[in-house]
Amino acid sequence: KDKAFSAGTFFHIFAVNSLLNTLGE
């Protein structure tokens, strides 16, 4: 949670997109 919502990750669109794609599967 801390890493996913940190400024470095949360605003990095590629990281968020990769995480959501992974979770979707």
PDB file of all heavy atoms in Angstrom:
ATOM      1  N   LYS A   1       0.843  -1.208   0.000  1.00  0.00           N
ATOM      2  CA  LYS A   1       0.000   0.000   0.000  1.00  0.00           C
ATOM      3  C   LYS A   1       0.874   1.252   0.000  1.00  0.00           C
ATOM      4  O   LYS A   1       0.644   2.173  -0.788  1.00  0.00           O
ATOM      5  CB  LYS A   1      -0.937   0.012   1.195  1.00  0.00           C
ATOM      6  CG  LYS A   1      -1.856   1.239   1.238  1.00  0.00           C
ATOM      7  CD  LYS A   1      -2.557   1.392   2.548  1.00  0.00           C
ATOM      8  CE  LYS A   1      -1.720   1.981   3.628  1.00  0.00           C
ATOM      9  NZ  LYS A   1      -1.440   3.389   3.627  1.00  0.00           N
ATOM     10  N   ASP A   2       1.870   1.292   0.877  1.00  0.00           N
ATOM     11  CA  ASP A   2       2.742   2.464   0.958  1.00  0.00           C
ATOM     12  C   ASP A   2       3.452   2.723  -0.365  1.00  0.00           C
ATOM     13  O   ASP A   2       3.532   3.865  -0.824  1.00  0.00           O
ATOM     14  CB  ASP A   2       3.782   2.292   2.072  1.00  0.00           C
ATOM     15  CG  ASP A   2       3.166   2.347   3.469  1.00  0.00           C
ATOM     16  OD1 ASP A   2       1.993   2.744   3.615  1.00  0.00           O
ATOM     17  OD2 ASP A   2       3.872   1.958   4.423  1.00  0.00           O
ATOM     18  N   LYS A   3       3.940   1.652  -0.988  1.00  0.00           N
ATOM     19  CA  LYS A   3       4.656   1.816  -2.257  1.00  0.00           C
ATOM     20  C   LYS A   3       3.694   2.220  -3.377  1.00  0.00           C
ATOM     21  O   LYS A   3       4.002   3.100  -4.178  1.00  0.00           O
ATOM     22  CB  LYS A   3       5.368   0.505  -2.611  1.00  0.00           C
ATOM     23  CG  LYS A   3       6.171   0.548  -3.899  1.00  0.00           C
ATOM     24  CD  LYS A   3       7.517   1.210  -3.704  1.00  0.00           C
ATOM     25  CE  LYS A   3       8.366   1.236  -4.941  1.00  0.00           C
ATOM     26  NZ  LYS A   3       9.342   0.178  -5.023  1.00  0.00           N
ATOM     27  N   ALA A   4       2.516   1.601  -3.409  1.00  0.00           N
ATOM     28  CA  ALA A   4       1.551   1.893  -4.478  1.00  0.00           C
ATOM     29  C   ALA A   4       1.042   3.329  -4.406  1.00  0.00           C
ATOM     30  O   ALA A   4       0.767   3.936  -5.439  1.00  0.00           O
ATOM     31  CB  ALA A   4       0.379   0.922  -4.404  1.00  0.00           C
ATOM     32  N   PHE A   5       0.943   3.877  -3.207  1.00  0.00           N
ATOM     33  CA  PHE A   5       0.396   5.222  -3.063  1.00  0.00           C
ATOM     34  C   PHE A   5       1.463   6.277  -2.781  1.00  0.00           C
ATOM     35  O   PHE A   5       1.151   7.403  -2.442  1.00  0.00           O
ATOM     36  CB  PHE A   5      -0.693   5.250  -1.990  1.00  0.00           C
ATOM     37  CG  PHE A   5      -1.934   4.546  -2.436  1.00  0.00           C
ATOM     38  CD1 PHE A   5      -2.191   3.256  -2.023  1.00  0.00           C
ATOM     39  CD2 PHE A   5      -2.818   5.146  -3.315  1.00  0.00           C
ATOM     40  CE1 PHE A   5      -3.323   2.583  -2.462  1.00  0.00           C
ATOM     41  CE2 PHE A   5      -3.946   4.491  -3.755  1.00  0.00           C
ATOM     42  CZ  PHE A   5      -4.194   3.199  -3.333  1.00  0.00           C
ATOM     43  N   SER A   6       2.731   5.911  -2.936  1.00  0.00           N
ATOM     44  CA  SER A   6       3.794   6.899  -2.781  1.00  0.00           C
ATOM     45  C   SER A   6       3.802   7.804  -4.009  1.00  0.00           C
ATOM     46  O   SER A   6       3.363   7.411  -5.092  1.00  0.00           O
ATOM     47  CB  SER A   6       5.150   6.211  -2.631  1.00  0.00           C
ATOM     48  OG  SER A   6       5.533   5.590  -3.843  1.00  0.00           O
ATOM     49  N   ALA A   7       4.287   9.005  -3.832  1.00  0.00           N
ATOM     50  CA  ALA A   7       4.310   9.961  -4.946  1.00  0.00           C
ATOM     51  C   ALA A   7       5.088   9.411  -6.132  1.00  0.00           C
ATOM     52  O   ALA A   7       4.711   9.616  -7.279  1.00  0.00           O
ATOM     53  CB  ALA A   7       4.907  11.285  -4.489  1.00  0.00           C
ATOM     54  N   GLY A   8       6.175   8.692  -5.870  1.00  0.00           N
ATOM     55  CA  GLY A   8       7.000   8.164  -6.947  1.00  0.00           C
ATOM     56  C   GLY A   8       6.300   7.114  -7.782  1.00  0.00           C
ATOM     57  O   GLY A   8       6.602   6.941  -8.947  1.00  0.00           O
ATOM     58  N   THR A   9       5.352   6.388  -7.184  1.00  0.00           N
ATOM     59  CA  THR A   9       4.642   5.336  -7.909  1.00  0.00           C
ATOM     60  C   THR A   9       3.278   5.808  -8.371  1.00  0.00           C
ATOM     61  O   THR A   9       2.899   5.630  -9.516  1.00  0.00           O
ATOM     62  CB  THR A   9       4.471   4.077  -7.030  1.00  0.00           C
ATOM     63  OG1 THR A   9       5.759   3.641  -6.613  1.00  0.00           O
ATOM     64  CG2 THR A   9       3.778   2.964  -7.789  1.00  0.00           C
ATOM     65  N   PHE A  10       2.535   6.428  -7.468  1.00  0.00           N
ATOM     66  CA  PHE A  10       1.146   6.775  -7.756  1.00  0.00           C
ATOM     67  C   PHE A  10       1.029   7.695  -8.968  1.00  0.00           C
ATOM     68  O   PHE A  10       0.097   7.581  -9.747  1.00  0.00           O
ATOM     69  CB  PHE A  10       0.502   7.416  -6.525  1.00  0.00           C
ATOM     70  CG  PHE A  10      -0.986   7.547  -6.634  1.00  0.00           C
ATOM     71  CD1 PHE A  10      -1.782   6.415  -6.739  1.00  0.00           C
ATOM     72  CD2 PHE A  10      -1.592   8.779  -6.649  1.00  0.00           C
ATOM     73  CE1 PHE A  10      -3.157   6.519  -6.842  1.00  0.00           C
ATOM     74  CE2 PHE A  10      -2.972   8.884  -6.753  1.00  0.00           C
ATOM     75  CZ  PHE A  10      -3.745   7.755  -6.844  1.00  0.00           C
ATOM     76  N   PHE A  11       2.010   8.578  -9.136  1.00  0.00           N
ATOM     77  CA  PHE A  11       1.939   9.508 -10.254  1.00  0.00           C
ATOM     78  C   PHE A  11       2.760   9.033 -11.451  1.00  0.00           C
ATOM     79  O   PHE A  11       2.898   9.735 -12.421  1.00  0.00           O
ATOM     80  CB  PHE A  11       2.384  10.905  -9.802  1.00  0.00           C
ATOM     81  CG  PHE A  11       1.453  11.485  -8.788  1.00  0.00           C
ATOM     82  CD1 PHE A  11       1.839  11.641  -7.471  1.00  0.00           C
ATOM     83  CD2 PHE A  11       0.159  11.837  -9.139  1.00  0.00           C
ATOM     84  CE1 PHE A  11       0.964  12.150  -6.530  1.00  0.00           C
ATOM     85  CE2 PHE A  11      -0.723  12.343  -8.203  1.00  0.00           C
ATOM     86  CZ  PHE A  11      -0.318  12.506  -6.894  1.00  0.00           C
ATOM     87  N   HIS A  12       3.291   7.830 -11.377  1.00  0.00           N
ATOM     88  CA  HIS A  12       4.028   7.254 -12.489  1.00  0.00           C
ATOM     89  C   HIS A  12       3.053   6.366 -13.258  1.00  0.00           C
ATOM     90  O   HIS A  12       2.781   5.244 -12.860  1.00  0.00           O
ATOM     91  CB  HIS A  12       5.239   6.459 -11.970  1.00  0.00           C
ATOM     92  CG  HIS A  12       6.153   6.009 -13.058  1.00  0.00           C
ATOM     93  ND1 HIS A  12       5.999   4.809 -13.695  1.00  0.00           N
ATOM     94  CD2 HIS A  12       7.219   6.617 -13.634  1.00  0.00           C
ATOM     95  CE1 HIS A  12       6.936   4.675 -14.618  1.00  0.00           C
ATOM     96  NE2 HIS A  12       7.681   5.763 -14.593  1.00  0.00           N
ATOM     97  N   ILE A  13       2.509   6.870 -14.333  1.00  0.00           N
ATOM     98  CA  ILE A  13       1.417   6.230 -15.051  1.00  0.00           C
ATOM     99  C   ILE A  13       1.763   4.826 -15.512  1.00  0.00           C
ATOM    100  O   ILE A  13       0.918   3.929 -15.485  1.00  0.00           O
ATOM    101  CB  ILE A  13       0.932   7.101 -16.236  1.00  0.00           C
ATOM    102  CG1 ILE A  13      -0.378   6.561 -16.815  1.00  0.00           C
ATOM    103  CG2 ILE A  13       1.996   7.208 -17.302  1.00  0.00           C
ATOM    104  CD1 ILE A  13      -1.543   6.600 -15.880  1.00  0.00           C
ATOM    105  N   PHE A  14       3.003   4.580 -15.891  1.00  0.00           N
ATOM    106  CA  PHE A  14       3.380   3.254 -16.358  1.00  0.00           C
ATOM    107  C   PHE A  14       3.344   2.236 -15.214  1.00  0.00           C
ATOM    108  O   PHE A  14       2.919   1.102 -15.390  1.00  0.00           O
ATOM    109  CB  PHE A  14       4.750   3.284 -17.029  1.00  0.00           C
ATOM    110  CG  PHE A  14       4.773   4.115 -18.277  1.00  0.00           C
ATOM    111  CD1 PHE A  14       5.456   5.314 -18.306  1.00  0.00           C
ATOM    112  CD2 PHE A  14       4.070   3.714 -19.417  1.00  0.00           C
ATOM    113  CE1 PHE A  14       5.454   6.097 -19.461  1.00  0.00           C
ATOM    114  CE2 PHE A  14       4.067   4.485 -20.568  1.00  0.00           C
ATOM    115  CZ  PHE A  14       4.765   5.687 -20.582  1.00  0.00           C
ATOM    116  N   ALA A  15       3.793   2.644 -14.041  1.00  0.00           N
ATOM    117  CA  ALA A  15       3.776   1.743 -12.885  1.00  0.00           C
ATOM    118  C   ALA A  15       2.341   1.421 -12.480  1.00  0.00           C
ATOM    119  O   ALA A  15       1.999   0.267 -12.204  1.00  0.00           O
ATOM    120  CB  ALA A  15       4.532   2.353 -11.707  1.00  0.00           C
ATOM    121  N   VAL A  16       1.488   2.437 -12.439  1.00  0.00           N
ATOM    122  CA  VAL A  16       0.086   2.220 -12.071  1.00  0.00           C
ATOM    123  C   VAL A  16      -0.597   1.335 -13.102  1.00  0.00           C
ATOM    124  O   VAL A  16      -1.312   0.393 -12.756  1.00  0.00           O
ATOM    125  CB  VAL A  16      -0.656   3.572 -11.920  1.00  0.00           C
ATOM    126  CG1 VAL A  16      -2.149   3.347 -11.735  1.00  0.00           C
ATOM    127  CG2 VAL A  16      -0.085   4.363 -10.756  1.00  0.00           C
ATOM    128  N   ASN A  17      -0.361   1.598 -14.376  1.00  0.00           N
ATOM    129  CA  ASN A  17      -0.966   0.804 -15.436  1.00  0.00           C
ATOM    130  C   ASN A  17      -0.517  -0.653 -15.352  1.00  0.00           C
ATOM    131  O   ASN A  17      -1.329  -1.575 -15.483  1.00  0.00           O
ATOM    132  CB  ASN A  17      -0.622   1.398 -16.803  1.00  0.00           C
ATOM    133  CG  ASN A  17      -1.370   0.722 -17.921  1.00  0.00           C
ATOM    134  OD1 ASN A  17      -2.577   0.534 -17.834  1.00  0.00           O
ATOM    135  ND2 ASN A  17      -0.664   0.344 -18.969  1.00  0.00           N
ATOM    136  N   SER A  18       0.775  -0.878 -15.132  1.00  0.00           N
ATOM    137  CA  SER A  18       1.296  -2.235 -15.007  1.00  0.00           C
ATOM    138  C   SER A  18       0.666  -2.961 -13.822  1.00  0.00           C
ATOM    139  O   SER A  18       0.275  -4.125 -13.921  1.00  0.00           O
ATOM    140  CB  SER A  18       2.825  -2.192 -14.851  1.00  0.00           C
ATOM    141  OG  SER A  18       3.327  -3.479 -14.643  1.00  0.00           O
ATOM    142  N   LEU A  19       0.537  -2.262 -12.684  1.00  0.00           N
ATOM    143  CA  LEU A  19      -0.066  -2.861 -11.497  1.00  0.00           C
ATOM    144  C   LEU A  19      -1.523  -3.222 -11.755  1.00  0.00           C
ATOM    145  O   LEU A  19      -1.967  -4.327 -11.440  1.00  0.00           O
ATOM    146  CB  LEU A  19       0.048  -1.904 -10.304  1.00  0.00           C
ATOM    147  CG  LEU A  19      -0.534  -2.406  -8.993  1.00  0.00           C
ATOM    148  CD1 LEU A  19       0.155  -3.686  -8.544  1.00  0.00           C
ATOM    149  CD2 LEU A  19      -0.407  -1.333  -7.925  1.00  0.00           C
ATOM    150  N   LEU A  20      -2.287  -2.318 -12.347  1.00  0.00           N
ATOM    151  CA  LEU A  20      -3.700  -2.592 -12.623  1.00  0.00           C
ATOM    152  C   LEU A  20      -3.865  -3.732 -13.619  1.00  0.00           C
ATOM    153  O   LEU A  20      -4.757  -4.580 -13.460  1.00  0.00           O
ATOM    154  CB  LEU A  20      -4.407  -1.332 -13.115  1.00  0.00           C
ATOM    155  CG  LEU A  20      -4.554  -0.223 -12.079  1.00  0.00           C
ATOM    156  CD1 LEU A  20      -5.183   1.013 -12.708  1.00  0.00           C
ATOM    157  CD2 LEU A  20      -5.361  -0.692 -10.883  1.00  0.00           C
ATOM    158  N   ASN A  21      -3.026  -3.780 -14.637  1.00  0.00           N
ATOM    159  CA  ASN A  21      -3.094  -4.892 -15.592  1.00  0.00           C
ATOM    160  C   ASN A  21      -2.790  -6.219 -14.919  1.00  0.00           C
ATOM    161  O   ASN A  21      -3.450  -7.226 -15.172  1.00  0.00           O
ATOM    162  CB  ASN A  21      -2.130  -4.670 -16.762  1.00  0.00           C
ATOM    163  CG  ASN A  21      -2.641  -3.641 -17.736  1.00  0.00           C
ATOM    164  OD1 ASN A  21      -3.837  -3.375 -17.808  1.00  0.00           O
ATOM    165  ND2 ASN A  21      -1.737  -3.040 -18.480  1.00  0.00           N
ATOM    166  N   THR A  22      -1.803  -6.225 -14.046  1.00  0.00           N
ATOM    167  CA  THR A  22      -1.445  -7.445 -13.319  1.00  0.00           C
ATOM    168  C   THR A  22      -2.595  -7.899 -12.438  1.00  0.00           C
ATOM    169  O   THR A  22      -2.965  -9.066 -12.435  1.00  0.00           O
ATOM    170  CB  THR A  22      -0.183  -7.206 -12.458  1.00  0.00           C
ATOM    171  OG1 THR A  22       0.892  -6.889 -13.335  1.00  0.00           O
ATOM    172  CG2 THR A  22       0.169  -8.436 -11.635  1.00  0.00           C
ATOM    173  N   LEU A  23      -3.157  -6.984 -11.686  1.00  0.00           N
ATOM    174  CA  LEU A  23      -4.252  -7.339 -10.783  1.00  0.00           C
ATOM    175  C   LEU A  23      -5.481  -7.786 -11.554  1.00  0.00           C
ATOM    176  O   LEU A  23      -6.190  -8.694 -11.113  1.00  0.00           O
ATOM    177  CB  LEU A  23      -4.583  -6.169  -9.867  1.00  0.00           C
ATOM    178  CG  LEU A  23      -3.510  -5.819  -8.843  1.00  0.00           C
ATOM    179  CD1 LEU A  23      -3.949  -4.627  -8.015  1.00  0.00           C
ATOM    180  CD2 LEU A  23      -3.172  -6.997  -7.959  1.00  0.00           C
ATOM    181  N   GLY A  24      -5.717  -7.185 -12.698  1.00  0.00           N
ATOM    182  CA  GLY A  24      -6.889  -7.552 -13.498  1.00  0.00           C
ATOM    183  C   GLY A  24      -6.892  -9.014 -13.891  1.00  0.00           C
ATOM    184  O   GLY A  24      -7.931  -9.640 -13.976  1.00  0.00           O
ATOM    185  N   GLU A  25      -5.723  -9.586 -14.086  1.00  0.00           N
ATOM    186  CA  GLU A  25      -5.610 -10.985 -14.487  1.00  0.00           C
ATOM    187  C   GLU A  25      -5.714 -11.944 -13.299  1.00  0.00           C
ATOM    188  O   GLU A  25      -6.017 -13.108 -13.477  1.00  0.00           O
ATOM    189  CB  GLU A  25      -4.256 -11.217 -15.167  1.00  0.00           C
ATOM    190  CG  GLU A  25      -4.056 -10.405 -16.424  1.00  0.00           C
ATOM    191  CD  GLU A  25      -2.597 -10.390 -16.878  1.00  0.00           C
ATOM    192  OE1 GLU A  25      -1.763 -11.060 -16.252  1.00  0.00           O
ATOM    193  OE2 GLU A  25      -2.308  -9.684 -17.854  1.00  0.00           O
TER     194      GLU A  25
END
